[in-house]
Amino acid sequence: MSSPHSASASQRAAIEAPRGPILVLAGPGAGKTYCLIERIRHLVHTLGVAPERICAFTFTNKAAGEISSRLEKHLGEGAHLIQRGTIHSFCVKLLREHGDHVGLTTGFGIADEDYQMSVLRRIGVAPRWHRATLKAFTSHRFVHGFFLHERDQTPFRKYTEFLTRRNLADFDMLVLKTAELFRVPEVAEEIRGQWDSIL
């Protein structure tokens, strides 16, 4: 693949970097999606990676849709072979296949934000605290050293038990359960074998 004419030097460096781990740090509007699409084109057309050996995901549905439409435009037939979507859809796919290793049984449900709010109501959290409570739960799960305030500890326990009893996972749990899944050696090996490039 020849370098895209509109790519800056730093974008070109990301697009044409040798295979292996790379990290691109960029703010809004810096062309991250452009780089991702061009990187995939480079992998397929220049480095000969089979499209079905590529997995590309992003955070939002909007960005995932944009990636899908651009891949179809630039790669044509091979685009549908690339595993793509949001990070949460990626996690769901893996957990549907291997969730029994991390305490999710077949057919688990997903608790979206509306359902999370209804759970908080059922366990007695006042509506005015719903968003702050969910934010505290997320920080507790993901931020090392973040401790729940005493008032949030019982709701967190009740909330977690409620979802577990009903075989449900919220969006945070999808990510955390997938991370847990990667710590199961035989599952990690199987997943690792599915793709050569993950973007």
C-alpha atoms as a PDB file:
ATOM      1  CA  MET A   1       0.000   0.000   0.000  1.00  0.00           C
ATOM      2  CA  SER A   2       1.381   3.385  -0.827  1.00  0.00           C
ATOM      3  CA  SER A   3       1.140   5.915   1.963  1.00  0.00           C
ATOM      4  CA  PRO A   4      -2.119   7.861   1.933  1.00  0.00           C
ATOM      5  CA  HIS A   5      -1.506  11.347   0.521  1.00  0.00           C
ATOM      6  CA  SER A   6      -3.592  12.961   3.247  1.00  0.00           C
ATOM      7  CA  ALA A   7      -1.803  11.220   6.121  1.00  0.00           C
ATOM      8  CA  SER A   8       0.498  13.213   8.350  1.00  0.00           C
ATOM      9  CA  ALA A   9       3.940  11.840   9.219  1.00  0.00           C
ATOM     10  CA  SER A  10       2.739  10.596  12.614  1.00  0.00           C
ATOM     11  CA  GLN A  11      -0.356   8.976  11.072  1.00  0.00           C
ATOM     12  CA  ARG A  12       1.815   7.319   8.442  1.00  0.00           C
ATOM     13  CA  ALA A  13       4.076   5.985  11.193  1.00  0.00           C
ATOM     14  CA  ALA A  14       1.079   4.390  12.926  1.00  0.00           C
ATOM     15  CA  ILE A  15      -0.409   3.030   9.690  1.00  0.00           C
ATOM     16  CA  GLU A  16       2.825   1.498   8.390  1.00  0.00           C
ATOM     17  CA  ALA A  17       4.420   0.397  11.667  1.00  0.00           C
ATOM     18  CA  PRO A  18       5.837  -3.132  11.666  1.00  0.00           C
ATOM     19  CA  ARG A  19       3.491  -5.832  12.950  1.00  0.00           C
ATOM     20  CA  GLY A  20       3.402  -6.091  16.708  1.00  0.00           C
ATOM     21  CA  PRO A  21       2.042  -4.019  19.594  1.00  0.00           C
ATOM     22  CA  ILE A  22       1.740  -0.288  18.966  1.00  0.00           C
ATOM     23  CA  LEU A  23       0.014   2.436  20.961  1.00  0.00           C
ATOM     24  CA  VAL A  24      -1.382   5.561  19.318  1.00  0.00           C
ATOM     25  CA  LEU A  25      -2.320   8.446  21.593  1.00  0.00           C
ATOM     26  CA  ALA A  26      -4.474  11.127  19.997  1.00  0.00           C
ATOM     27  CA  GLY A  27      -7.222  13.549  20.947  1.00  0.00           C
ATOM     28  CA  PRO A  28     -10.662  14.068  19.384  1.00  0.00           C
ATOM     29  CA  GLY A  29     -10.617  14.769  15.654  1.00  0.00           C
ATOM     30  CA  ALA A  30      -6.999  13.661  15.234  1.00  0.00           C
ATOM     31  CA  GLY A  31      -7.860  10.937  12.709  1.00  0.00           C
ATOM     32  CA  LYS A  32      -7.820   7.797  14.869  1.00  0.00           C
ATOM     33  CA  THR A  33     -10.548   6.079  12.840  1.00  0.00           C
ATOM     34  CA  TYR A  34      -8.757   7.021   9.620  1.00  0.00           C
ATOM     35  CA  CYS A  35      -5.538   5.475  10.978  1.00  0.00           C
ATOM     36  CA  LEU A  36      -7.379   2.336  12.057  1.00  0.00           C
ATOM     37  CA  ILE A  37      -8.919   1.810   8.610  1.00  0.00           C
ATOM     38  CA  GLU A  38      -5.652   2.545   6.804  1.00  0.00           C
ATOM     39  CA  ARG A  39      -3.768   0.258   9.194  1.00  0.00           C
ATOM     40  CA  ILE A  40      -6.153  -2.572   8.317  1.00  0.00           C
ATOM     41  CA  ARG A  41      -5.697  -1.847   4.600  1.00  0.00           C
ATOM     42  CA  HIS A  42      -1.937  -1.930   5.122  1.00  0.00           C
ATOM     43  CA  LEU A  43      -2.154  -5.246   6.988  1.00  0.00           C
ATOM     44  CA  VAL A  44      -4.287  -6.826   4.256  1.00  0.00           C
ATOM     45  CA  HIS A  45      -2.811  -5.321   1.072  1.00  0.00           C
ATOM     46  CA  THR A  46       0.848  -4.886   1.991  1.00  0.00           C
ATOM     47  CA  LEU A  47       1.560  -7.407   4.726  1.00  0.00           C
ATOM     48  CA  GLY A  48      -0.789 -10.100   3.427  1.00  0.00           C
ATOM     49  CA  VAL A  49      -2.811 -10.650   6.614  1.00  0.00           C
ATOM     50  CA  ALA A  50      -6.026 -12.545   5.878  1.00  0.00           C
ATOM     51  CA  PRO A  51      -9.072 -10.371   6.747  1.00  0.00           C
ATOM     52  CA  GLU A  52     -10.585 -13.127   8.906  1.00  0.00           C
ATOM     53  CA  ARG A  53      -7.451 -13.004  11.086  1.00  0.00           C
ATOM     54  CA  ILE A  54      -8.113  -9.342  12.011  1.00  0.00           C
ATOM     55  CA  CYS A  55     -10.273  -8.075  14.870  1.00  0.00           C
ATOM     56  CA  ALA A  56     -11.051  -4.347  15.141  1.00  0.00           C
ATOM     57  CA  PHE A  57     -13.171  -2.789  17.844  1.00  0.00           C
ATOM     58  CA  THR A  58     -13.915   0.619  19.265  1.00  0.00           C
ATOM     59  CA  PHE A  59     -15.819   2.066  22.202  1.00  0.00           C
ATOM     60  CA  THR A  60     -19.022   3.502  20.712  1.00  0.00           C
ATOM     61  CA  ASN A  61     -21.653   2.072  18.374  1.00  0.00           C
ATOM     62  CA  LYS A  62     -21.294   5.168  16.185  1.00  0.00           C
ATOM     63  CA  ALA A  63     -17.554   4.636  15.685  1.00  0.00           C
ATOM     64  CA  ALA A  64     -18.058   0.897  15.132  1.00  0.00           C
ATOM     65  CA  GLY A  65     -20.629   1.653  12.419  1.00  0.00           C
ATOM     66  CA  GLU A  66     -18.270   4.129  10.802  1.00  0.00           C
ATOM     67  CA  ILE A  67     -15.450   1.571  10.793  1.00  0.00           C
ATOM     68  CA  SER A  68     -17.740  -1.052   9.230  1.00  0.00           C
ATOM     69  CA  SER A  69     -18.924   1.243   6.431  1.00  0.00           C
ATOM     70  CA  ARG A  70     -15.409   2.499   5.670  1.00  0.00           C
ATOM     71  CA  LEU A  71     -13.991  -1.025   5.617  1.00  0.00           C
ATOM     72  CA  GLU A  72     -16.666  -2.108   3.158  1.00  0.00           C
ATOM     73  CA  LYS A  73     -15.854   0.895   0.962  1.00  0.00           C
ATOM     74  CA  HIS A  74     -12.073   0.346   1.017  1.00  0.00           C
ATOM     75  CA  LEU A  75     -11.775  -3.451   1.262  1.00  0.00           C
ATOM     76  CA  GLY A  76     -14.883  -4.603  -0.585  1.00  0.00           C
ATOM     77  CA  GLU A  77     -15.524  -8.344  -0.366  1.00  0.00           C
ATOM     78  CA  GLY A  78     -13.020  -9.041   2.417  1.00  0.00           C
ATOM     79  CA  ALA A  79     -14.498  -6.488   4.820  1.00  0.00           C
ATOM     80  CA  HIS A  80     -17.224  -8.782   6.158  1.00  0.00           C
ATOM     81  CA  LEU A  81     -14.562 -11.307   7.223  1.00  0.00           C
ATOM     82  CA  ILE A  82     -13.030  -8.881   9.726  1.00  0.00           C
ATOM     83  CA  GLN A  83     -14.375  -9.276  13.274  1.00  0.00           C
ATOM     84  CA  ARG A  84     -15.521  -5.788  14.255  1.00  0.00           C
ATOM     85  CA  GLY A  85     -17.806  -3.918  16.611  1.00  0.00           C
ATOM     86  CA  THR A  86     -17.666  -2.264  20.019  1.00  0.00           C
ATOM     87  CA  ILE A  87     -15.474  -3.441  22.859  1.00  0.00           C
ATOM     88  CA  HIS A  88     -18.643  -4.546  24.648  1.00  0.00           C
ATOM     89  CA  SER A  89     -19.869  -6.606  21.674  1.00  0.00           C
ATOM     90  CA  PHE A  90     -16.397  -8.185  21.508  1.00  0.00           C
ATOM     91  CA  CYS A  91     -16.671  -9.086  25.208  1.00  0.00           C
ATOM     92  CA  VAL A  92     -20.203 -10.478  24.768  1.00  0.00           C
ATOM     93  CA  LYS A  93     -19.043 -12.702  21.890  1.00  0.00           C
ATOM     94  CA  LEU A  94     -16.251 -14.197  23.999  1.00  0.00           C
ATOM     95  CA  LEU A  95     -18.423 -14.568  27.093  1.00  0.00           C
ATOM     96  CA  ARG A  96     -21.209 -16.280  25.126  1.00  0.00           C
ATOM     97  CA  GLU A  97     -18.625 -18.896  24.141  1.00  0.00           C
ATOM     98  CA  HIS A  98     -16.671 -19.195  27.401  1.00  0.00           C
ATOM     99  CA  GLY A  99     -18.700 -17.484  30.151  1.00  0.00           C
ATOM    100  CA  ASP A 100     -19.055 -20.665  32.216  1.00  0.00           C
ATOM    101  CA  HIS A 101     -15.356 -20.259  33.151  1.00  0.00           C
ATOM    102  CA  VAL A 102     -16.146 -16.963  34.919  1.00  0.00           C
ATOM    103  CA  GLY A 103     -19.530 -17.632  36.510  1.00  0.00           C
ATOM    104  CA  LEU A 104     -21.863 -16.683  33.632  1.00  0.00           C
ATOM    105  CA  THR A 105     -24.128 -19.434  32.426  1.00  0.00           C
ATOM    106  CA  THR A 106     -25.367 -19.841  28.863  1.00  0.00           C
ATOM    107  CA  GLY A 107     -27.947 -17.246  27.874  1.00  0.00           C
ATOM    108  CA  PHE A 108     -26.842 -14.586  30.373  1.00  0.00           C
ATOM    109  CA  GLY A 109     -28.585 -11.232  29.977  1.00  0.00           C
ATOM    110  CA  ILE A 110     -27.167  -7.728  29.764  1.00  0.00           C
ATOM    111  CA  ALA A 111     -28.270  -5.017  32.175  1.00  0.00           C
ATOM    112  CA  ASP A 112     -28.366  -1.730  30.267  1.00  0.00           C
ATOM    113  CA  GLU A 113     -28.462   1.648  32.012  1.00  0.00           C
ATOM    114  CA  ASP A 114     -32.263   1.701  32.365  1.00  0.00           C
ATOM    115  CA  TYR A 115     -32.206  -1.733  33.966  1.00  0.00           C
ATOM    116  CA  GLN A 116     -29.369  -0.684  36.278  1.00  0.00           C
ATOM    117  CA  MET A 117     -31.484   2.257  37.458  1.00  0.00           C
ATOM    118  CA  SER A 118     -34.434  -0.050  38.116  1.00  0.00           C
ATOM    119  CA  VAL A 119     -32.196  -2.349  40.176  1.00  0.00           C
ATOM    120  CA  LEU A 120     -30.999   0.625  42.233  1.00  0.00           C
ATOM    121  CA  ARG A 121     -34.635   1.607  42.863  1.00  0.00           C
ATOM    122  CA  ARG A 122     -35.451  -1.938  43.981  1.00  0.00           C
ATOM    123  CA  ILE A 123     -32.568  -2.023  46.465  1.00  0.00           C
ATOM    124  CA  GLY A 124     -33.542   1.338  47.923  1.00  0.00           C
ATOM    125  CA  VAL A 125     -31.174   3.879  46.347  1.00  0.00           C
ATOM    126  CA  ALA A 126     -32.885   7.249  45.950  1.00  0.00           C
ATOM    127  CA  PRO A 127     -33.300   8.238  42.269  1.00  0.00           C
ATOM    128  CA  ARG A 128     -31.303  11.453  42.738  1.00  0.00           C
ATOM    129  CA  TRP A 129     -28.254   9.302  43.624  1.00  0.00           C
ATOM    130  CA  HIS A 130     -28.529   6.773  40.771  1.00  0.00           C
ATOM    131  CA  ARG A 131     -25.938   8.253  38.404  1.00  0.00           C
ATOM    132  CA  ALA A 132     -23.470   9.077  41.182  1.00  0.00           C
ATOM    133  CA  THR A 133     -23.897   5.576  42.627  1.00  0.00           C
ATOM    134  CA  LEU A 134     -23.249   3.860  39.291  1.00  0.00           C
ATOM    135  CA  LYS A 135     -20.221   6.100  38.751  1.00  0.00           C
ATOM    136  CA  ALA A 136     -18.900   5.099  42.179  1.00  0.00           C
ATOM    137  CA  PHE A 137     -19.459   1.409  41.336  1.00  0.00           C
ATOM    138  CA  THR A 138     -17.466   1.821  38.098  1.00  0.00           C
ATOM    139  CA  SER A 139     -14.620   3.630  39.868  1.00  0.00           C
ATOM    140  CA  HIS A 140     -14.543   0.958  42.570  1.00  0.00           C
ATOM    141  CA  ARG A 141     -14.248  -1.769  39.940  1.00  0.00           C
ATOM    142  CA  PHE A 142     -11.711  -0.124  37.641  1.00  0.00           C
ATOM    143  CA  VAL A 143      -9.658   2.442  39.567  1.00  0.00           C
ATOM    144  CA  HIS A 144      -6.927   0.901  41.678  1.00  0.00           C
ATOM    145  CA  GLY A 145      -7.170   2.147  45.246  1.00  0.00           C
ATOM    146  CA  PHE A 146     -10.675   3.644  44.863  1.00  0.00           C
ATOM    147  CA  PHE A 147     -12.688   2.707  47.931  1.00  0.00           C
ATOM    148  CA  LEU A 148     -16.460   2.910  48.047  1.00  0.00           C
ATOM    149  CA  HIS A 149     -17.915   5.362  50.526  1.00  0.00           C
ATOM    150  CA  GLU A 150     -19.557   3.570  53.432  1.00  0.00           C
ATOM    151  CA  ARG A 151     -23.043   4.540  52.158  1.00  0.00           C
ATOM    152  CA  ASP A 152     -22.319   2.799  48.809  1.00  0.00           C
ATOM    153  CA  GLN A 153     -20.943  -0.469  50.173  1.00  0.00           C
ATOM    154  CA  THR A 154     -24.269  -2.147  51.007  1.00  0.00           C
ATOM    155  CA  PRO A 155     -25.949  -1.012  47.744  1.00  0.00           C
ATOM    156  CA  PHE A 156     -22.944  -2.328  45.795  1.00  0.00           C
ATOM    157  CA  ARG A 157     -23.200  -5.728  47.487  1.00  0.00           C
ATOM    158  CA  LYS A 158     -26.990  -5.893  46.926  1.00  0.00           C
ATOM    159  CA  TYR A 159     -26.679  -4.692  43.320  1.00  0.00           C
ATOM    160  CA  THR A 160     -23.995  -7.287  42.518  1.00  0.00           C
ATOM    161  CA  GLU A 161     -25.966 -10.087  44.187  1.00  0.00           C
ATOM    162  CA  PHE A 162     -29.137  -9.047  42.330  1.00  0.00           C
ATOM    163  CA  LEU A 163     -27.429  -9.292  38.922  1.00  0.00           C
ATOM    164  CA  THR A 164     -25.606 -12.520  39.795  1.00  0.00           C
ATOM    165  CA  ARG A 165     -28.825 -14.258  40.928  1.00  0.00           C
ATOM    166  CA  ARG A 166     -30.483 -13.353  37.629  1.00  0.00           C
ATOM    167  CA  ASN A 167     -27.464 -14.305  35.467  1.00  0.00           C
ATOM    168  CA  LEU A 168     -27.039 -10.704  34.292  1.00  0.00           C
ATOM    169  CA  ALA A 169     -23.967  -8.632  33.522  1.00  0.00           C
ATOM    170  CA  ASP A 170     -23.795  -4.850  33.213  1.00  0.00           C
ATOM    171  CA  PHE A 171     -21.385  -3.163  30.789  1.00  0.00           C
ATOM    172  CA  ASP A 172     -18.602  -2.916  33.389  1.00  0.00           C
ATOM    173  CA  MET A 173     -18.959  -6.590  34.206  1.00  0.00           C
ATOM    174  CA  LEU A 174     -18.701  -7.556  30.532  1.00  0.00           C
ATOM    175  CA  VAL A 175     -15.228  -6.001  30.422  1.00  0.00           C
ATOM    176  CA  LEU A 176     -14.163  -7.333  33.828  1.00  0.00           C
ATOM    177  CA  LYS A 177     -15.429 -10.864  33.161  1.00  0.00           C
ATOM    178  CA  THR A 178     -13.606 -10.897  29.820  1.00  0.00           C
ATOM    179  CA  ALA A 179     -10.389  -9.795  31.540  1.00  0.00           C
ATOM    180  CA  GLU A 180     -10.941 -12.630  34.014  1.00  0.00           C
ATOM    181  CA  LEU A 181     -11.482 -15.002  31.087  1.00  0.00           C
ATOM    182  CA  PHE A 182      -8.071 -14.094  29.675  1.00  0.00           C
ATOM    183  CA  ARG A 183      -6.528 -15.377  32.910  1.00  0.00           C
ATOM    184  CA  VAL A 184      -7.819 -18.907  32.181  1.00  0.00           C
ATOM    185  CA  PRO A 185      -4.825 -20.369  30.278  1.00  0.00           C
ATOM    186  CA  GLU A 186      -6.654 -22.775  27.943  1.00  0.00           C
ATOM    187  CA  VAL A 187      -9.308 -20.182  27.063  1.00  0.00           C
ATOM    188  CA  ALA A 188      -6.714 -17.440  26.529  1.00  0.00           C
ATOM    189  CA  GLU A 189      -4.796 -19.765  24.207  1.00  0.00           C
ATOM    190  CA  GLU A 190      -7.915 -20.536  22.174  1.00  0.00           C
ATOM    191  CA  ILE A 191      -8.886 -16.862  21.899  1.00  0.00           C
ATOM    192  CA  ARG A 192      -5.318 -15.866  21.010  1.00  0.00           C
ATOM    193  CA  GLY A 193      -5.415 -18.368  18.164  1.00  0.00           C
ATOM    194  CA  GLN A 194      -8.429 -16.699  16.505  1.00  0.00           C
ATOM    195  CA  TRP A 195      -6.675 -13.525  15.318  1.00  0.00           C
ATOM    196  CA  ASP A 196      -3.242 -12.357  14.228  1.00  0.00           C
ATOM    197  CA  SER A 197      -4.015  -8.656  14.631  1.00  0.00           C
ATOM    198  CA  ILE A 198      -6.286  -6.939  17.144  1.00  0.00           C
ATOM    199  CA  LEU A 199      -6.852  -3.224  16.744  1.00  0.00           C
END
